[in-house]
Amino acid sequence: MKLFFWRDNKKIDAFASYVADDFYSNVHPDVAREYLNGMSKDQKKTQRKVEQKINEVIGALNQFSREQSLGVYGKARLQRAFNNRLNELGYESDITQRIAEMILLSKVK
């Protein structure tokens, strides 16, 4: 167990920002809103792209958590930093919250 877990905060914040920036470069806030509110059937390609990117984010965050041996506080900081960066990039708070729920629910499986 890491006694001084706060020493990794800069690394955690930097990685969360990187993942959020990558998500933003592929899925803009308006596309995320459309996806979460239900896309029409003629937008299947965009829907698959968003789903794929969300799965990539989930995988990256999980892998980082395992590699860095993050505890509860580290994982919470990673999620919070990711959410905060999405809000800074222009995602609405309800969209950010729903993306966060998808990430957290994927870890329950």
N, C-alpha and C. Protein backbone atom coordinates (compact mmCIF):
# COMPACT_ATOMS: atom_id res chain seq x y z
N MET A 1 0.84 -1.18 0.00
CA MET A 1 0.00 0.00 0.00
C MET A 1 0.89 1.24 0.00
N LYS A 2 0.54 2.18 -0.82
CA LYS A 2 1.29 3.42 -0.88
C LYS A 2 0.84 4.32 0.25
N LEU A 3 1.80 4.72 1.07
CA LEU A 3 1.48 5.57 2.20
C LEU A 3 1.24 7.01 1.77
N PHE A 4 2.01 7.48 0.80
CA PHE A 4 1.91 8.86 0.36
C PHE A 4 1.25 8.91 -1.01
N PHE A 5 -0.04 8.63 -1.05
CA PHE A 5 -0.76 8.53 -2.32
C PHE A 5 -0.85 9.86 -3.04
N TRP A 6 -0.75 10.98 -2.32
CA TRP A 6 -0.92 12.28 -2.96
C TRP A 6 0.26 12.66 -3.84
N ARG A 7 1.36 11.95 -3.76
CA ARG A 7 2.51 12.27 -4.60
C ARG A 7 2.24 11.99 -6.08
N ASP A 8 1.31 11.14 -6.36
CA ASP A 8 0.98 10.80 -7.74
C ASP A 8 -0.09 11.70 -8.33
N ASN A 9 -0.53 12.71 -7.61
CA ASN A 9 -1.63 13.55 -8.07
C ASN A 9 -1.35 14.22 -9.40
N LYS A 10 -0.15 14.71 -9.61
CA LYS A 10 0.18 15.37 -10.88
C LYS A 10 0.12 14.38 -12.03
N LYS A 11 0.58 13.18 -11.80
CA LYS A 11 0.55 12.15 -12.84
C LYS A 11 -0.89 11.76 -13.16
N ILE A 12 -1.70 11.62 -12.12
CA ILE A 12 -3.11 11.26 -12.30
C ILE A 12 -3.84 12.36 -13.06
N ASP A 13 -3.63 13.60 -12.65
CA ASP A 13 -4.30 14.73 -13.31
C ASP A 13 -3.88 14.86 -14.76
N ALA A 14 -2.59 14.68 -15.03
CA ALA A 14 -2.08 14.80 -16.39
C ALA A 14 -2.67 13.71 -17.28
N PHE A 15 -2.75 12.48 -16.76
CA PHE A 15 -3.31 11.40 -17.56
C PHE A 15 -4.80 11.62 -17.81
N ALA A 16 -5.52 12.05 -16.80
CA ALA A 16 -6.96 12.30 -16.96
C ALA A 16 -7.19 13.40 -18.00
N SER A 17 -6.38 14.43 -17.97
CA SER A 17 -6.51 15.51 -18.96
C SER A 17 -6.21 15.01 -20.36
N TYR A 18 -5.18 14.17 -20.48
CA TYR A 18 -4.83 13.60 -21.79
C TYR A 18 -5.98 12.78 -22.35
N VAL A 19 -6.57 11.93 -21.54
CA VAL A 19 -7.67 11.07 -22.00
C VAL A 19 -8.88 11.92 -22.37
N ALA A 20 -9.18 12.93 -21.56
CA ALA A 20 -10.32 13.81 -21.85
C ALA A 20 -10.08 14.60 -23.13
N ASP A 21 -8.86 15.09 -23.33
CA ASP A 21 -8.54 15.83 -24.56
C ASP A 21 -8.67 14.94 -25.79
N ASP A 22 -8.22 13.69 -25.66
CA ASP A 22 -8.34 12.74 -26.76
C ASP A 22 -9.81 12.44 -27.06
N PHE A 23 -10.61 12.29 -26.01
CA PHE A 23 -12.04 12.06 -26.20
C PHE A 23 -12.68 13.25 -26.91
N TYR A 24 -12.31 14.46 -26.49
CA TYR A 24 -12.85 15.67 -27.10
C TYR A 24 -12.47 15.78 -28.57
N SER A 25 -11.26 15.38 -28.91
CA SER A 25 -10.82 15.49 -30.30
C SER A 25 -11.58 14.54 -31.22
N ASN A 26 -12.18 13.51 -30.65
CA ASN A 26 -12.93 12.55 -31.46
C ASN A 26 -14.44 12.66 -31.30
N VAL A 27 -14.89 13.12 -30.14
CA VAL A 27 -16.33 13.23 -29.86
C VAL A 27 -16.60 14.61 -29.27
N HIS A 28 -17.09 15.50 -30.09
CA HIS A 28 -17.38 16.86 -29.62
C HIS A 28 -18.61 16.86 -28.73
N PRO A 29 -18.77 17.88 -27.91
CA PRO A 29 -19.89 17.91 -26.96
C PRO A 29 -21.27 17.75 -27.59
N ASP A 30 -21.48 18.35 -28.75
CA ASP A 30 -22.80 18.22 -29.39
C ASP A 30 -23.06 16.78 -29.86
N VAL A 31 -22.03 16.10 -30.32
CA VAL A 31 -22.18 14.70 -30.74
C VAL A 31 -22.45 13.81 -29.53
N ALA A 32 -21.75 14.08 -28.42
CA ALA A 32 -21.98 13.30 -27.20
C ALA A 32 -23.41 13.49 -26.70
N ARG A 33 -23.91 14.73 -26.78
CA ARG A 33 -25.28 15.01 -26.35
C ARG A 33 -26.27 14.24 -27.21
N GLU A 34 -26.06 14.27 -28.53
CA GLU A 34 -26.94 13.53 -29.44
C GLU A 34 -26.90 12.04 -29.14
N TYR A 35 -25.71 11.51 -28.91
CA TYR A 35 -25.57 10.08 -28.63
C TYR A 35 -26.32 9.70 -27.36
N LEU A 36 -26.15 10.46 -26.30
CA LEU A 36 -26.77 10.13 -25.03
C LEU A 36 -28.28 10.39 -25.03
N ASN A 37 -28.74 11.27 -25.90
CA ASN A 37 -30.18 11.54 -26.00
C ASN A 37 -30.86 10.67 -27.05
N GLY A 38 -30.08 9.87 -27.75
CA GLY A 38 -30.63 8.96 -28.75
C GLY A 38 -30.46 9.49 -30.16
N MET A 39 -29.65 8.82 -30.92
CA MET A 39 -29.39 9.21 -32.31
C MET A 39 -30.40 8.54 -33.22
N SER A 40 -30.60 9.15 -34.36
CA SER A 40 -31.49 8.54 -35.33
C SER A 40 -30.81 7.34 -35.98
N LYS A 41 -31.60 6.52 -36.63
CA LYS A 41 -31.07 5.29 -37.21
C LYS A 41 -30.10 5.51 -38.36
N ASP A 42 -30.15 6.67 -38.99
CA ASP A 42 -29.25 6.93 -40.11
C ASP A 42 -27.87 7.39 -39.63
N GLN A 43 -27.66 7.49 -38.33
CA GLN A 43 -26.38 7.91 -37.78
C GLN A 43 -25.64 6.75 -37.10
N LYS A 44 -25.78 5.56 -37.65
CA LYS A 44 -25.18 4.36 -37.07
C LYS A 44 -23.66 4.47 -37.01
N LYS A 45 -23.04 5.03 -38.03
CA LYS A 45 -21.59 5.14 -38.07
C LYS A 45 -21.09 6.04 -36.94
N THR A 46 -21.76 7.15 -36.74
CA THR A 46 -21.38 8.06 -35.66
C THR A 46 -21.62 7.41 -34.31
N GLN A 47 -22.70 6.68 -34.18
CA GLN A 47 -23.02 6.00 -32.93
C GLN A 47 -21.94 4.97 -32.59
N ARG A 48 -21.50 4.20 -33.57
CA ARG A 48 -20.44 3.21 -33.35
C ARG A 48 -19.13 3.89 -32.96
N LYS A 49 -18.85 5.03 -33.59
CA LYS A 49 -17.63 5.77 -33.28
C LYS A 49 -17.63 6.25 -31.83
N VAL A 50 -18.75 6.78 -31.37
CA VAL A 50 -18.85 7.27 -30.00
C VAL A 50 -18.73 6.10 -29.03
N GLU A 51 -19.41 5.00 -29.29
CA GLU A 51 -19.33 3.83 -28.42
C GLU A 51 -17.90 3.30 -28.35
N GLN A 52 -17.23 3.27 -29.49
CA GLN A 52 -15.86 2.80 -29.52
C GLN A 52 -14.95 3.72 -28.70
N LYS A 53 -15.15 5.01 -28.82
CA LYS A 53 -14.31 5.96 -28.09
C LYS A 53 -14.57 5.87 -26.59
N ILE A 54 -15.82 5.70 -26.19
CA ILE A 54 -16.13 5.54 -24.76
C ILE A 54 -15.48 4.27 -24.23
N ASN A 55 -15.51 3.19 -25.00
CA ASN A 55 -14.86 1.95 -24.59
C ASN A 55 -13.35 2.13 -24.49
N GLU A 56 -12.75 2.92 -25.38
CA GLU A 56 -11.32 3.20 -25.31
C GLU A 56 -10.99 3.99 -24.04
N VAL A 57 -11.83 4.95 -23.69
CA VAL A 57 -11.62 5.73 -22.48
C VAL A 57 -11.69 4.82 -21.26
N ILE A 58 -12.69 3.96 -21.23
CA ILE A 58 -12.85 3.02 -20.11
C ILE A 58 -11.61 2.14 -20.00
N GLY A 59 -11.15 1.62 -21.12
CA GLY A 59 -9.97 0.76 -21.11
C GLY A 59 -8.72 1.50 -20.65
N ALA A 60 -8.54 2.73 -21.12
CA ALA A 60 -7.36 3.51 -20.74
C ALA A 60 -7.37 3.83 -19.25
N LEU A 61 -8.53 4.24 -18.72
CA LEU A 61 -8.60 4.55 -17.30
C LEU A 61 -8.39 3.31 -16.44
N ASN A 62 -8.95 2.19 -16.84
CA ASN A 62 -8.76 0.94 -16.09
C ASN A 62 -7.31 0.49 -16.13
N GLN A 63 -6.69 0.57 -17.30
CA GLN A 63 -5.29 0.16 -17.43
C GLN A 63 -4.39 1.04 -16.58
N PHE A 64 -4.60 2.34 -16.61
CA PHE A 64 -3.81 3.25 -15.81
C PHE A 64 -3.98 2.95 -14.32
N SER A 65 -5.21 2.68 -13.91
CA SER A 65 -5.48 2.35 -12.50
C SER A 65 -4.71 1.11 -12.06
N ARG A 66 -4.70 0.10 -12.93
CA ARG A 66 -3.98 -1.13 -12.60
C ARG A 66 -2.47 -0.91 -12.59
N GLU A 67 -1.95 -0.25 -13.62
CA GLU A 67 -0.50 -0.05 -13.73
C GLU A 67 0.05 0.80 -12.59
N GLN A 68 -0.71 1.79 -12.16
CA GLN A 68 -0.25 2.68 -11.10
C GLN A 68 -0.66 2.20 -9.71
N SER A 69 -1.35 1.08 -9.66
CA SER A 69 -1.85 0.52 -8.40
C SER A 69 -2.60 1.57 -7.59
N LEU A 70 -3.55 2.21 -8.26
CA LEU A 70 -4.32 3.26 -7.59
C LEU A 70 -5.29 2.65 -6.60
N GLY A 71 -5.38 3.27 -5.47
CA GLY A 71 -6.35 2.87 -4.46
C GLY A 71 -7.66 3.60 -4.70
N VAL A 72 -8.49 3.59 -3.71
CA VAL A 72 -9.80 4.22 -3.82
C VAL A 72 -9.66 5.72 -4.09
N TYR A 73 -8.78 6.38 -3.35
CA TYR A 73 -8.62 7.82 -3.51
C TYR A 73 -8.03 8.18 -4.87
N GLY A 74 -7.09 7.38 -5.32
CA GLY A 74 -6.48 7.62 -6.63
C GLY A 74 -7.48 7.45 -7.76
N LYS A 75 -8.30 6.42 -7.67
CA LYS A 75 -9.32 6.18 -8.69
C LYS A 75 -10.37 7.30 -8.68
N ALA A 76 -10.73 7.74 -7.49
CA ALA A 76 -11.70 8.83 -7.39
C ALA A 76 -11.12 10.11 -7.97
N ARG A 77 -9.85 10.37 -7.70
CA ARG A 77 -9.21 11.57 -8.24
C ARG A 77 -9.13 11.49 -9.76
N LEU A 78 -8.81 10.31 -10.29
CA LEU A 78 -8.74 10.12 -11.74
C LEU A 78 -10.09 10.41 -12.39
N GLN A 79 -11.14 9.88 -11.83
CA GLN A 79 -12.48 10.10 -12.37
C GLN A 79 -12.88 11.57 -12.28
N ARG A 80 -12.61 12.18 -11.12
CA ARG A 80 -12.97 13.59 -10.92
C ARG A 80 -12.18 14.51 -11.86
N ALA A 81 -10.89 14.22 -12.04
CA ALA A 81 -10.07 15.03 -12.94
C ALA A 81 -10.55 14.89 -14.38
N PHE A 82 -10.93 13.68 -14.77
CA PHE A 82 -11.47 13.44 -16.12
C PHE A 82 -12.76 14.23 -16.31
N ASN A 83 -13.65 14.16 -15.33
CA ASN A 83 -14.93 14.88 -15.42
C ASN A 83 -14.71 16.39 -15.48
N ASN A 84 -13.83 16.89 -14.63
CA ASN A 84 -13.56 18.33 -14.62
C ASN A 84 -13.00 18.81 -15.95
N ARG A 85 -12.13 18.01 -16.53
CA ARG A 85 -11.55 18.40 -17.82
C ARG A 85 -12.61 18.40 -18.91
N LEU A 86 -13.51 17.43 -18.90
CA LEU A 86 -14.60 17.43 -19.88
C LEU A 86 -15.45 18.68 -19.73
N ASN A 87 -15.73 19.08 -18.50
CA ASN A 87 -16.51 20.31 -18.27
C ASN A 87 -15.76 21.53 -18.80
N GLU A 88 -14.45 21.57 -18.60
CA GLU A 88 -13.64 22.68 -19.11
C GLU A 88 -13.68 22.74 -20.63
N LEU A 89 -13.78 21.58 -21.26
CA LEU A 89 -13.78 21.52 -22.72
C LEU A 89 -15.13 21.85 -23.33
N GLY A 90 -16.15 22.05 -22.51
CA GLY A 90 -17.44 22.48 -23.02
C GLY A 90 -18.55 21.46 -22.95
N TYR A 91 -18.32 20.32 -22.35
CA TYR A 91 -19.39 19.35 -22.17
C TYR A 91 -20.29 19.84 -21.04
N GLU A 92 -21.58 19.69 -21.22
CA GLU A 92 -22.54 20.08 -20.19
C GLU A 92 -22.39 19.12 -19.00
N SER A 93 -22.70 19.60 -17.82
CA SER A 93 -22.49 18.79 -16.62
C SER A 93 -23.34 17.51 -16.62
N ASP A 94 -24.54 17.55 -17.19
CA ASP A 94 -25.35 16.33 -17.22
C ASP A 94 -24.76 15.30 -18.20
N ILE A 95 -24.18 15.77 -19.28
CA ILE A 95 -23.52 14.86 -20.23
C ILE A 95 -22.28 14.24 -19.58
N THR A 96 -21.50 15.07 -18.90
CA THR A 96 -20.32 14.57 -18.19
C THR A 96 -20.73 13.55 -17.14
N GLN A 97 -21.80 13.82 -16.44
CA GLN A 97 -22.28 12.90 -15.40
C GLN A 97 -22.69 11.57 -16.01
N ARG A 98 -23.36 11.59 -17.13
CA ARG A 98 -23.80 10.34 -17.77
C ARG A 98 -22.62 9.54 -18.31
N ILE A 99 -21.61 10.23 -18.83
CA ILE A 99 -20.39 9.54 -19.27
C ILE A 99 -19.69 8.92 -18.07
N ALA A 100 -19.62 9.66 -16.97
CA ALA A 100 -19.01 9.13 -15.74
C ALA A 100 -19.76 7.90 -15.25
N GLU A 101 -21.08 7.91 -15.31
CA GLU A 101 -21.87 6.76 -14.90
C GLU A 101 -21.56 5.55 -15.78
N MET A 102 -21.40 5.79 -17.07
CA MET A 102 -21.07 4.68 -17.98
C MET A 102 -19.71 4.08 -17.60
N ILE A 103 -18.76 4.95 -17.28
CA ILE A 103 -17.41 4.47 -16.90
C ILE A 103 -17.49 3.68 -15.59
N LEU A 104 -18.19 4.22 -14.61
CA LEU A 104 -18.27 3.54 -13.32
C LEU A 104 -19.04 2.23 -13.41
N LEU A 105 -20.10 2.20 -14.19
CA LEU A 105 -20.88 0.98 -14.33
C LEU A 105 -20.11 -0.10 -15.08
N SER A 106 -19.21 0.30 -15.95
CA SER A 106 -18.41 -0.70 -16.69
C SER A 106 -17.46 -1.43 -15.74
N LYS A 107 -17.08 -0.79 -14.65
CA LYS A 107 -16.15 -1.40 -13.69
C LYS A 107 -16.85 -2.39 -12.78
N VAL A 108 -18.17 -2.33 -12.71
CA VAL A 108 -18.93 -3.23 -11.85
C VAL A 108 -18.97 -4.63 -12.42
N LYS A 109 -18.91 -4.75 -13.72
CA LYS A 109 -19.05 -6.06 -14.38
C LYS A 109 -18.01 -7.06 -13.93
